[in-house]
């Protein structure tokens, strides 16, 4: 990734919430450059998932703006954002369990059905394990395979940026590593990634840059390596073992 890459996604001074008069986000901002993986970490209730949902049009913005390159997408509905190149993978209910893997992928391409076979072949090149599961019902997949299928379905529309909400949630450490490896592979294929994660250490290890949210506001930002090595970030948000893991020692349970 070049330091001179253009800004792909830009959210500015976002204020949003679910209930009238109750703001979860209190003026936070972020940007994703072309070719980046950007991680969002922070304590529970900080507004991480709300920020991604607000960017994708699932939570109305009360103030602030969201731009995709030069296009103002602040008030665009989710289906229009998909057309414009924004993919989204929610944490829960992110596959159709009664449908086969193949039909889930077909659902991901419903806006461009004529592109289905070509795009499916491209996606299976990135996530080959799914190719062995095409006739299998999605509900019978392992947790890691379901997460890969959810990402694959979002990729069917060839997004320029993929929004991931807690992609490692509920997975074993081994499957978490596999999912993060797949995310890195998707990024290398040319898709920028904005990722919310509770596994803060692992997220920052793969992210080019990261944002720490606290109480709906930006608390810290920097490269993944800078945040992993920041004493205040480690103490407040990662736990003392995060730094040991970043330095190659044996990591312990996360404290974020």
Protein backbone atom coordinates (compact mmCIF):
# COMPACT_ATOMS: atom_id res chain seq x y z
CA UNK A 1 0.00 0.00 0.00
CA UNK A 2 1.39 3.35 -1.01
CA UNK A 3 1.42 6.23 1.44
CA UNK A 4 -0.01 8.35 -1.35
CA UNK A 5 -3.15 6.29 -1.83
CA UNK A 6 -6.35 8.28 -2.21
CA UNK A 7 -9.09 8.38 0.41
CA UNK A 8 -11.76 5.81 -0.44
CA UNK A 9 -14.15 6.13 2.50
CA UNK A 10 -14.43 9.21 4.70
CA UNK A 11 -16.76 9.55 7.71
CA UNK A 12 -16.67 12.94 9.42
CA UNK A 13 -18.05 14.14 12.76
CA UNK A 14 -20.64 11.38 12.91
CA UNK A 15 -23.38 11.69 15.53
CA UNK A 16 -25.89 8.81 15.59
CA UNK A 17 -27.96 6.61 17.88
CA UNK A 18 -30.83 4.16 18.01
CA UNK A 19 -33.22 6.02 20.32
CA UNK A 20 -34.42 9.62 20.04
CA UNK A 21 -32.22 11.91 22.09
CA UNK A 22 -29.68 9.20 22.94
CA UNK A 23 -26.44 9.46 20.96
CA UNK A 24 -24.11 6.46 20.76
CA UNK A 25 -21.69 8.22 18.42
CA UNK A 26 -20.60 11.68 19.53
CA UNK A 27 -18.67 13.18 16.64
CA UNK A 28 -16.25 10.41 15.67
CA UNK A 29 -14.40 10.39 12.35
CA UNK A 30 -12.39 7.94 10.28
CA UNK A 31 -11.05 7.40 6.79
CA UNK A 32 -10.06 4.36 4.76
CA UNK A 33 -7.48 4.74 2.00
CA UNK A 34 -7.41 2.70 -1.19
CA UNK A 35 -5.88 -0.69 -0.42
CA UNK A 36 -6.01 -0.42 3.38
CA UNK A 37 -7.20 -2.62 6.19
CA UNK A 38 -8.45 -0.31 8.94
CA UNK A 39 -9.40 -1.68 12.36
CA UNK A 40 -11.81 -0.18 14.89
CA UNK A 41 -11.26 -1.29 18.48
CA UNK A 42 -12.40 -0.12 21.89
CA UNK A 43 -14.37 -1.22 24.96
CA UNK A 44 -17.86 -2.65 24.84
CA UNK A 45 -20.40 0.09 24.27
CA UNK A 46 -17.90 2.42 22.62
CA UNK A 47 -19.96 2.64 19.43
CA UNK A 48 -17.78 0.52 17.14
CA UNK A 49 -20.54 -1.50 15.51
CA UNK A 50 -22.85 1.51 15.50
CA UNK A 51 -20.29 3.45 13.46
CA UNK A 52 -20.10 0.74 10.79
CA UNK A 53 -23.90 0.46 10.70
CA UNK A 54 -24.20 4.24 10.37
CA UNK A 55 -21.74 4.25 7.46
CA UNK A 56 -23.82 1.53 5.78
CA UNK A 57 -27.11 3.39 6.28
CA UNK A 58 -28.55 1.07 8.93
CA UNK A 59 -28.46 3.74 11.66
CA UNK A 60 -29.54 7.28 10.72
CA UNK A 61 -26.97 10.03 11.11
CA UNK A 62 -28.09 13.01 13.17
CA UNK A 63 -25.02 15.00 12.20
CA UNK A 64 -21.94 14.41 10.13
CA UNK A 65 -21.24 13.02 6.67
CA UNK A 66 -20.00 9.93 4.85
CA UNK A 67 -18.28 10.07 1.45
CA UNK A 68 -17.25 7.26 -0.88
CA UNK A 69 -14.47 8.86 -2.88
CA UNK A 70 -16.14 12.12 -3.96
CA UNK A 71 -19.75 10.87 -3.64
CA UNK A 72 -21.81 11.92 -0.64
CA UNK A 73 -23.45 8.68 0.57
CA UNK A 74 -24.66 10.02 3.92
CA UNK A 75 -28.35 9.41 3.28
CA UNK A 76 -28.11 6.54 0.80
CA UNK A 77 -29.95 3.29 1.69
CA UNK A 78 -27.97 0.06 2.01
CA UNK A 79 -29.06 -1.46 -1.32
CA UNK A 80 -27.80 1.63 -3.14
CA UNK A 81 -24.49 1.49 -1.28
CA UNK A 82 -24.08 -2.11 -2.43
CA UNK A 83 -24.52 -0.92 -6.02
CA UNK A 84 -21.90 1.77 -5.44
CA UNK A 85 -19.33 -0.71 -4.14
CA UNK A 86 -19.79 -0.97 -0.38
CA UNK A 87 -20.05 -4.48 1.06
CA UNK A 88 -21.24 -5.22 4.61
CA UNK A 89 -21.03 -8.35 6.76
CA UNK A 90 -22.99 -8.16 10.04
CA UNK A 91 -21.89 -10.06 13.11
CA UNK A 92 -25.09 -12.11 13.42
CA UNK A 93 -27.55 -13.62 10.94
CA UNK A 94 -25.07 -13.13 8.09
CA UNK A 95 -25.97 -16.22 6.01
CA UNK A 96 -29.22 -17.87 4.90
CA UNK A 97 -28.95 -21.15 6.86
CA UNK A 98 -31.65 -23.03 4.94
CA UNK A 99 -30.03 -22.27 1.56
CA UNK A 100 -27.01 -24.00 0.09
CA UNK A 101 -23.63 -22.31 -0.07
CA UNK A 102 -24.13 -21.88 -3.82
CA UNK A 103 -27.54 -20.25 -3.34
CA UNK A 104 -26.12 -17.92 -0.67
CA UNK A 105 -23.54 -16.76 -3.19
CA UNK A 106 -26.28 -16.34 -5.78
CA UNK A 107 -28.20 -14.13 -3.34
CA UNK A 108 -25.09 -11.97 -3.02
CA UNK A 109 -25.20 -11.34 -6.76
CA UNK A 110 -28.93 -10.67 -7.07
CA UNK A 111 -28.38 -7.16 -8.43
CA UNK A 112 -26.17 -8.53 -11.24
CA UNK A 113 -27.39 -12.08 -11.91
CA UNK A 114 -25.61 -12.35 -15.26
CA UNK A 115 -22.25 -11.96 -13.48
CA UNK A 116 -22.90 -14.82 -11.07
CA UNK A 117 -20.79 -17.65 -12.52
CA UNK A 118 -17.79 -15.50 -13.34
CA UNK A 119 -17.83 -13.77 -9.98
CA UNK A 120 -18.38 -17.02 -8.08
CA UNK A 121 -15.31 -18.54 -9.70
CA UNK A 122 -13.25 -15.50 -8.72
CA UNK A 123 -14.45 -15.66 -5.10
CA UNK A 124 -13.79 -19.38 -4.83
CA UNK A 125 -10.24 -18.66 -5.93
CA UNK A 126 -9.90 -16.51 -2.81
CA UNK A 127 -11.86 -18.85 -0.51
CA UNK A 128 -11.34 -22.32 -2.00
CA UNK A 129 -12.83 -24.20 0.95
CA UNK A 130 -16.26 -22.92 -0.04
CA UNK A 131 -15.89 -24.62 -3.40
CA UNK A 132 -16.03 -27.96 -1.58
CA UNK A 133 -19.24 -26.92 0.20
CA UNK A 134 -21.37 -25.54 -2.67
CA UNK A 135 -24.25 -28.08 -2.36
CA UNK A 136 -24.17 -27.99 1.46
CA UNK A 137 -26.71 -26.04 3.49
CA UNK A 138 -25.15 -22.98 5.08
CA UNK A 139 -26.65 -23.84 8.47
CA UNK A 140 -24.54 -26.99 8.63
CA UNK A 141 -21.22 -25.17 8.17
CA UNK A 142 -18.77 -24.55 10.98
CA UNK A 143 -18.63 -21.07 12.48
CA UNK A 144 -15.49 -20.19 10.54
CA UNK A 145 -16.95 -21.47 7.28
CA UNK A 146 -20.13 -19.46 7.83
CA UNK A 147 -18.02 -16.35 8.35
CA UNK A 148 -16.14 -17.03 5.11
CA UNK A 149 -19.44 -17.56 3.30
CA UNK A 150 -20.76 -14.26 4.65
CA UNK A 151 -17.67 -12.47 3.37
CA UNK A 152 -17.91 -14.29 0.04
CA UNK A 153 -21.52 -13.26 -0.42
CA UNK A 154 -20.67 -9.62 0.28
CA UNK A 155 -17.81 -9.85 -2.22
CA UNK A 156 -20.05 -11.09 -5.03
CA UNK A 157 -20.92 -7.51 -6.01
CA UNK A 158 -17.23 -6.67 -6.38
CA UNK A 159 -17.10 -3.99 -3.63
CA UNK A 160 -14.28 -1.50 -3.37
CA UNK A 161 -14.59 -1.53 0.44
CA UNK A 162 -15.81 -4.29 2.76
CA UNK A 163 -17.28 -3.46 6.19
CA UNK A 164 -16.87 -6.29 8.70
CA UNK A 165 -18.59 -6.31 12.10
CA UNK A 166 -16.78 -8.63 14.56
CA UNK A 167 -15.64 -11.23 11.99
CA UNK A 168 -13.92 -13.41 14.62
CA UNK A 169 -16.74 -13.39 17.20
CA UNK A 170 -17.49 -16.80 18.67
CA UNK A 171 -14.71 -18.60 16.81
CA UNK A 172 -11.93 -20.75 18.25
CA UNK A 173 -8.44 -19.21 18.25
CA UNK A 174 -7.44 -21.40 15.31
CA UNK A 175 -10.49 -20.37 13.27
CA UNK A 176 -9.93 -16.74 14.23
CA UNK A 177 -6.44 -16.92 12.75
CA UNK A 178 -7.87 -18.48 9.60
CA UNK A 179 -10.49 -15.75 9.23
CA UNK A 180 -7.90 -13.00 9.71
CA UNK A 181 -5.68 -14.67 7.11
CA UNK A 182 -8.62 -14.71 4.67
CA UNK A 183 -9.32 -11.04 5.36
CA UNK A 184 -5.70 -10.25 4.52
CA UNK A 185 -6.07 -12.26 1.31
CA UNK A 186 -9.22 -10.39 0.33
CA UNK A 187 -7.39 -7.13 0.92
CA UNK A 188 -4.48 -8.23 -1.24
CA UNK A 189 -6.96 -8.93 -4.05
CA UNK A 190 -7.73 -5.20 -4.16
CA UNK A 191 -10.57 -4.73 -1.65
CA UNK A 192 -10.17 -2.20 1.15
CA UNK A 193 -11.43 -3.40 4.54
CA UNK A 194 -12.95 -1.59 7.53
CA UNK A 195 -13.18 -4.02 10.44
CA UNK A 196 -14.70 -3.79 13.92
CA UNK A 197 -13.05 -6.27 16.28
CA UNK A 198 -13.03 -7.27 19.95
CA UNK A 199 -9.85 -9.29 19.37
CA UNK A 200 -7.94 -6.03 19.43
CA UNK A 201 -4.43 -7.41 19.33
CA UNK A 202 -5.03 -9.67 16.34
CA UNK A 203 -6.94 -6.92 14.54
CA UNK A 204 -4.08 -4.45 14.92
CA UNK A 205 -1.57 -7.05 13.77
CA UNK A 206 -3.25 -7.27 10.35
CA UNK A 207 -4.48 -3.66 10.07
CA UNK A 208 -2.51 -0.96 8.29
CA UNK A 209 -4.12 1.62 10.58
CA UNK A 210 -6.45 1.56 13.53
CA UNK A 211 -8.90 3.72 15.45
CA UNK A 212 -9.68 3.38 19.14
CA UNK A 213 -13.20 4.52 20.03
CA UNK A 214 -14.33 5.31 23.55
CA UNK A 215 -17.79 6.62 24.45
CA UNK A 216 -18.56 7.32 20.81
CA UNK A 217 -15.48 9.48 20.23
CA UNK A 218 -12.03 9.01 18.75
CA UNK A 219 -9.59 8.22 21.56
CA UNK A 220 -6.47 7.20 19.63
CA UNK A 221 -5.42 6.55 16.06
CA UNK A 222 -2.27 5.37 14.33
CA UNK A 223 -0.79 2.47 12.45
CA UNK A 224 -1.51 -0.98 13.82
CA UNK A 225 2.08 -1.26 15.05
CA UNK A 226 1.97 2.18 16.70
CA UNK A 227 -1.19 1.36 18.63
CA UNK A 228 0.17 -2.01 19.74
CA UNK A 229 3.24 -0.22 21.10
CA UNK A 230 1.41 2.71 22.72
CA UNK A 231 1.57 2.40 26.52
CA UNK A 232 -1.76 4.15 27.09
CA UNK A 233 -3.57 2.08 24.45
CA UNK A 234 -2.14 -1.14 25.86
CA UNK A 235 -3.00 -0.21 29.44
CA UNK A 236 -6.51 1.08 28.77
CA UNK A 237 -7.74 -1.05 25.89
CA UNK A 238 -5.56 -4.06 25.14
CA UNK A 239 -4.33 -5.44 28.44
CA UNK A 240 -0.71 -6.02 29.36
CA UNK A 241 -0.47 -9.28 27.41
CA UNK A 242 -1.26 -7.57 24.11
CA UNK A 243 2.24 -6.12 23.91
CA UNK A 244 3.79 -9.50 24.70
CA UNK A 245 1.81 -11.04 21.85
CA UNK A 246 2.87 -8.27 19.48
CA UNK A 247 6.51 -8.93 20.34
CA UNK A 248 6.24 -12.64 19.61
CA UNK A 249 5.85 -13.94 23.18
CA UNK A 250 3.04 -16.23 24.18
CA UNK A 251 -0.19 -14.19 24.20
CA UNK A 252 -2.85 -14.65 26.82
CA UNK A 253 -6.58 -13.89 26.88
CA UNK A 254 -7.57 -10.54 25.46
CA UNK A 255 -8.72 -7.82 27.80
CA UNK A 256 -10.50 -5.75 25.14
